[in-house]
Amino acid sequence: MVKRDVEKIKLHILKKLFDQRCWMHKHFSINNLPQGLPSHARDSRTIKKAVDELIKNKWLLSKPTHYGLELSLNINKKNEIEYYIEKNLMLK
């Protein structure tokens, strides 16, 4: 696993949740996150590591349910999240 891969997956997760407008009480299933990624990047360990880093940074909020983990963006970190997405999309 390369750090660059984790960064790309973090950007994918943030952009996907941002596009779906999943802020605070609107949740997105962790099982649907790999959709839209190329097949070589769908490694569950890499995705889990990226999600854990985003939760640790408090950019993602997690909600455990009986059917799996649900994720949403933290509205208190909105400016940081938008800046991160814009900055990294410009580099592509």
N, C-alpha and C. Protein backbone atom coordinates (compact mmCIF):
# COMPACT_ATOMS: atom_id res chain seq x y z
N MET A 1 0.84 -1.17 0.00
CA MET A 1 0.00 0.00 0.00
C MET A 1 0.89 1.24 0.00
N VAL A 2 0.62 2.12 -0.90
CA VAL A 2 1.40 3.33 -1.05
C VAL A 2 0.60 4.50 -0.47
N LYS A 3 1.30 5.43 0.17
CA LYS A 3 0.65 6.61 0.74
C LYS A 3 -0.15 7.36 -0.32
N ARG A 4 0.37 7.39 -1.55
CA ARG A 4 -0.30 8.08 -2.64
C ARG A 4 -1.68 7.46 -2.90
N ASP A 5 -1.77 6.12 -2.80
CA ASP A 5 -3.05 5.43 -3.01
C ASP A 5 -4.05 5.82 -1.93
N VAL A 6 -3.59 5.91 -0.70
CA VAL A 6 -4.47 6.30 0.41
C VAL A 6 -4.99 7.71 0.19
N GLU A 7 -4.12 8.61 -0.27
CA GLU A 7 -4.53 10.00 -0.52
C GLU A 7 -5.58 10.06 -1.63
N LYS A 8 -5.40 9.27 -2.68
CA LYS A 8 -6.38 9.25 -3.77
C LYS A 8 -7.72 8.72 -3.29
N ILE A 9 -7.69 7.71 -2.44
CA ILE A 9 -8.92 7.13 -1.92
C ILE A 9 -9.60 8.12 -0.96
N LYS A 10 -8.81 8.83 -0.16
CA LYS A 10 -9.39 9.85 0.72
C LYS A 10 -10.09 10.93 -0.10
N LEU A 11 -9.47 11.35 -1.19
CA LEU A 11 -10.09 12.34 -2.06
C LEU A 11 -11.38 11.79 -2.67
N HIS A 12 -11.34 10.54 -3.10
CA HIS A 12 -12.53 9.90 -3.67
C HIS A 12 -13.68 9.87 -2.65
N ILE A 13 -13.37 9.48 -1.43
CA ILE A 13 -14.39 9.40 -0.38
C ILE A 13 -14.98 10.78 -0.09
N LEU A 14 -14.11 11.76 0.10
CA LEU A 14 -14.60 13.11 0.42
C LEU A 14 -15.43 13.68 -0.73
N LYS A 15 -14.96 13.49 -1.95
CA LYS A 15 -15.69 14.02 -3.10
C LYS A 15 -17.04 13.33 -3.26
N LYS A 16 -17.06 12.03 -3.05
CA LYS A 16 -18.31 11.28 -3.18
C LYS A 16 -19.33 11.74 -2.15
N LEU A 17 -18.90 11.87 -0.91
CA LEU A 17 -19.81 12.33 0.14
C LEU A 17 -20.22 13.79 -0.08
N PHE A 18 -19.28 14.60 -0.57
CA PHE A 18 -19.58 16.01 -0.85
C PHE A 18 -20.61 16.12 -1.97
N ASP A 19 -20.43 15.35 -3.04
CA ASP A 19 -21.38 15.38 -4.16
C ASP A 19 -22.76 14.87 -3.76
N GLN A 20 -22.80 13.92 -2.83
CA GLN A 20 -24.07 13.38 -2.34
C GLN A 20 -24.68 14.25 -1.24
N ARG A 21 -23.97 15.31 -0.85
CA ARG A 21 -24.40 16.23 0.22
C ARG A 21 -24.67 15.49 1.53
N CYS A 22 -23.74 14.64 1.89
CA CYS A 22 -23.86 13.84 3.13
C CYS A 22 -23.22 14.59 4.29
N TRP A 23 -23.86 15.63 4.76
CA TRP A 23 -23.37 16.40 5.90
C TRP A 23 -24.16 16.01 7.14
N MET A 24 -23.50 15.78 8.22
CA MET A 24 -24.05 15.50 9.55
C MET A 24 -25.05 14.33 9.56
N HIS A 25 -26.33 14.58 9.42
CA HIS A 25 -27.34 13.55 9.67
C HIS A 25 -27.75 12.78 8.43
N LYS A 26 -27.19 13.10 7.28
CA LYS A 26 -27.41 12.29 6.08
C LYS A 26 -26.20 11.38 5.94
N HIS A 27 -26.43 10.08 5.92
CA HIS A 27 -25.34 9.11 5.97
C HIS A 27 -25.18 8.36 4.65
N PHE A 28 -23.99 7.81 4.48
CA PHE A 28 -23.64 7.03 3.29
C PHE A 28 -22.97 5.74 3.77
N SER A 29 -23.39 4.62 3.24
CA SER A 29 -22.86 3.33 3.69
C SER A 29 -21.41 3.14 3.26
N ILE A 30 -20.61 2.62 4.17
CA ILE A 30 -19.21 2.35 3.86
C ILE A 30 -19.09 1.27 2.79
N ASN A 31 -20.10 0.42 2.65
CA ASN A 31 -20.08 -0.64 1.64
C ASN A 31 -20.18 -0.09 0.22
N ASN A 32 -20.71 1.12 0.06
CA ASN A 32 -20.86 1.72 -1.27
C ASN A 32 -19.68 2.60 -1.67
N LEU A 33 -18.72 2.80 -0.78
CA LEU A 33 -17.58 3.66 -1.10
C LEU A 33 -16.70 3.13 -2.23
N PRO A 34 -16.45 1.82 -2.35
CA PRO A 34 -15.58 1.35 -3.43
C PRO A 34 -16.16 1.56 -4.82
N GLN A 35 -17.46 1.75 -4.94
CA GLN A 35 -18.05 1.97 -6.26
C GLN A 35 -17.49 3.26 -6.84
N GLY A 36 -17.06 3.19 -8.06
CA GLY A 36 -16.46 4.35 -8.71
C GLY A 36 -14.95 4.33 -8.69
N LEU A 37 -14.37 3.44 -7.90
CA LEU A 37 -12.91 3.28 -7.87
C LEU A 37 -12.51 2.23 -8.89
N PRO A 38 -11.32 2.35 -9.47
CA PRO A 38 -10.84 1.29 -10.36
C PRO A 38 -10.65 -0.01 -9.57
N SER A 39 -10.71 -1.13 -10.26
CA SER A 39 -10.67 -2.42 -9.58
C SER A 39 -9.40 -2.63 -8.76
N HIS A 40 -8.26 -2.08 -9.20
CA HIS A 40 -7.02 -2.26 -8.45
C HIS A 40 -6.99 -1.43 -7.16
N ALA A 41 -7.89 -0.47 -7.02
CA ALA A 41 -7.91 0.38 -5.84
C ALA A 41 -9.01 -0.01 -4.85
N ARG A 42 -9.67 -1.11 -5.10
CA ARG A 42 -10.78 -1.54 -4.24
C ARG A 42 -10.35 -2.44 -3.09
N ASP A 43 -9.15 -2.29 -2.64
CA ASP A 43 -8.63 -3.08 -1.53
C ASP A 43 -9.28 -2.58 -0.24
N SER A 44 -9.95 -3.47 0.47
CA SER A 44 -10.70 -3.06 1.66
C SER A 44 -9.79 -2.54 2.77
N ARG A 45 -8.57 -3.06 2.85
CA ARG A 45 -7.65 -2.57 3.89
C ARG A 45 -7.24 -1.12 3.62
N THR A 46 -7.00 -0.80 2.36
CA THR A 46 -6.62 0.57 2.00
C THR A 46 -7.77 1.53 2.24
N ILE A 47 -8.97 1.11 1.87
CA ILE A 47 -10.15 1.95 2.09
C ILE A 47 -10.38 2.15 3.58
N LYS A 48 -10.24 1.09 4.36
CA LYS A 48 -10.41 1.18 5.81
C LYS A 48 -9.39 2.13 6.42
N LYS A 49 -8.14 2.07 5.95
CA LYS A 49 -7.09 2.96 6.45
C LYS A 49 -7.43 4.42 6.13
N ALA A 50 -7.90 4.67 4.91
CA ALA A 50 -8.28 6.03 4.51
C ALA A 50 -9.44 6.54 5.35
N VAL A 51 -10.44 5.70 5.58
CA VAL A 51 -11.59 6.09 6.40
C VAL A 51 -11.16 6.37 7.82
N ASP A 52 -10.30 5.52 8.38
CA ASP A 52 -9.81 5.73 9.74
C ASP A 52 -9.06 7.05 9.88
N GLU A 53 -8.23 7.40 8.87
CA GLU A 53 -7.51 8.67 8.92
C GLU A 53 -8.48 9.85 8.86
N LEU A 54 -9.52 9.75 8.03
CA LEU A 54 -10.49 10.84 7.92
C LEU A 54 -11.31 10.98 9.20
N ILE A 55 -11.62 9.87 9.84
CA ILE A 55 -12.34 9.93 11.13
C ILE A 55 -11.44 10.53 12.20
N LYS A 56 -10.16 10.14 12.19
CA LYS A 56 -9.20 10.67 13.16
C LYS A 56 -9.03 12.19 13.00
N ASN A 57 -9.06 12.66 11.75
CA ASN A 57 -8.98 14.11 11.48
C ASN A 57 -10.29 14.83 11.77
N LYS A 58 -11.32 14.07 12.11
CA LYS A 58 -12.67 14.58 12.39
C LYS A 58 -13.34 15.19 11.16
N TRP A 59 -12.93 14.76 9.97
CA TRP A 59 -13.59 15.20 8.75
C TRP A 59 -14.80 14.32 8.47
N LEU A 60 -14.74 13.07 8.93
CA LEU A 60 -15.86 12.15 8.78
C LEU A 60 -16.44 11.82 10.14
N LEU A 61 -17.75 11.68 10.16
CA LEU A 61 -18.44 11.20 11.34
C LEU A 61 -18.94 9.80 11.03
N SER A 62 -18.82 8.90 11.98
CA SER A 62 -19.26 7.53 11.75
C SER A 62 -20.46 7.22 12.63
N LYS A 63 -21.33 6.40 12.08
CA LYS A 63 -22.52 5.97 12.81
C LYS A 63 -22.65 4.46 12.63
N PRO A 64 -22.35 3.71 13.67
CA PRO A 64 -22.50 2.25 13.56
C PRO A 64 -23.98 1.87 13.56
N THR A 65 -24.35 0.98 12.66
CA THR A 65 -25.72 0.47 12.60
C THR A 65 -25.65 -1.06 12.60
N HIS A 66 -26.79 -1.70 12.71
CA HIS A 66 -26.79 -3.16 12.73
C HIS A 66 -26.44 -3.75 11.37
N TYR A 67 -26.53 -2.96 10.30
CA TYR A 67 -26.24 -3.45 8.95
C TYR A 67 -24.91 -2.92 8.40
N GLY A 68 -24.13 -2.20 9.21
CA GLY A 68 -22.83 -1.72 8.76
C GLY A 68 -22.57 -0.30 9.22
N LEU A 69 -21.41 0.20 8.87
CA LEU A 69 -21.00 1.54 9.28
C LEU A 69 -21.52 2.56 8.27
N GLU A 70 -22.07 3.65 8.77
CA GLU A 70 -22.54 4.75 7.94
C GLU A 70 -21.63 5.94 8.19
N LEU A 71 -21.34 6.70 7.14
CA LEU A 71 -20.42 7.84 7.22
C LEU A 71 -21.11 9.12 6.76
N SER A 72 -20.69 10.24 7.33
CA SER A 72 -21.14 11.55 6.88
C SER A 72 -20.01 12.55 7.10
N LEU A 73 -20.09 13.67 6.42
CA LEU A 73 -19.09 14.72 6.56
C LEU A 73 -19.40 15.58 7.78
N ASN A 74 -18.37 16.06 8.43
CA ASN A 74 -18.53 16.92 9.60
C ASN A 74 -18.71 18.36 9.13
N ILE A 75 -19.86 18.94 9.42
CA ILE A 75 -20.17 20.30 8.97
C ILE A 75 -19.23 21.33 9.61
N ASN A 76 -18.69 21.02 10.79
CA ASN A 76 -17.77 21.95 11.46
C ASN A 76 -16.43 22.05 10.75
N LYS A 77 -16.12 21.09 9.89
CA LYS A 77 -14.86 21.09 9.14
C LYS A 77 -15.11 21.37 7.65
N LYS A 78 -16.23 21.99 7.33
CA LYS A 78 -16.63 22.20 5.94
C LYS A 78 -15.57 22.96 5.14
N ASN A 79 -15.04 24.05 5.68
CA ASN A 79 -14.06 24.84 4.95
C ASN A 79 -12.80 24.04 4.65
N GLU A 80 -12.34 23.26 5.63
CA GLU A 80 -11.14 22.44 5.43
C GLU A 80 -11.38 21.37 4.37
N ILE A 81 -12.55 20.75 4.40
CA ILE A 81 -12.88 19.70 3.45
C ILE A 81 -12.96 20.27 2.04
N GLU A 82 -13.64 21.40 1.88
CA GLU A 82 -13.76 22.03 0.56
C GLU A 82 -12.38 22.43 0.02
N TYR A 83 -11.53 22.98 0.89
CA TYR A 83 -10.19 23.37 0.47
C TYR A 83 -9.39 22.15 0.02
N TYR A 84 -9.46 21.07 0.78
CA TYR A 84 -8.73 19.84 0.45
C TYR A 84 -9.18 19.29 -0.90
N ILE A 85 -10.48 19.26 -1.14
CA ILE A 85 -11.01 18.75 -2.40
C ILE A 85 -10.55 19.63 -3.56
N GLU A 86 -10.71 20.95 -3.42
CA GLU A 86 -10.31 21.87 -4.49
C GLU A 86 -8.82 21.79 -4.78
N LYS A 87 -8.01 21.77 -3.72
CA LYS A 87 -6.55 21.72 -3.88
C LYS A 87 -6.12 20.46 -4.61
N ASN A 88 -6.67 19.34 -4.24
CA ASN A 88 -6.25 18.07 -4.83
C ASN A 88 -6.85 17.83 -6.21
N LEU A 89 -8.00 18.41 -6.50
CA LEU A 89 -8.53 18.28 -7.84
C LEU A 89 -7.74 19.13 -8.83
N MET A 90 -7.16 20.23 -8.34
CA MET A 90 -6.33 21.08 -9.21
C MET A 90 -5.05 20.35 -9.59
N LEU A 91 -4.54 19.48 -8.72
CA LEU A 91 -3.29 18.77 -8.97
C LEU A 91 -3.44 17.67 -10.00
N LYS A 92 -4.67 17.22 -10.22
CA LYS A 92 -4.89 16.12 -11.18
C LYS A 92 -4.67 16.57 -12.59
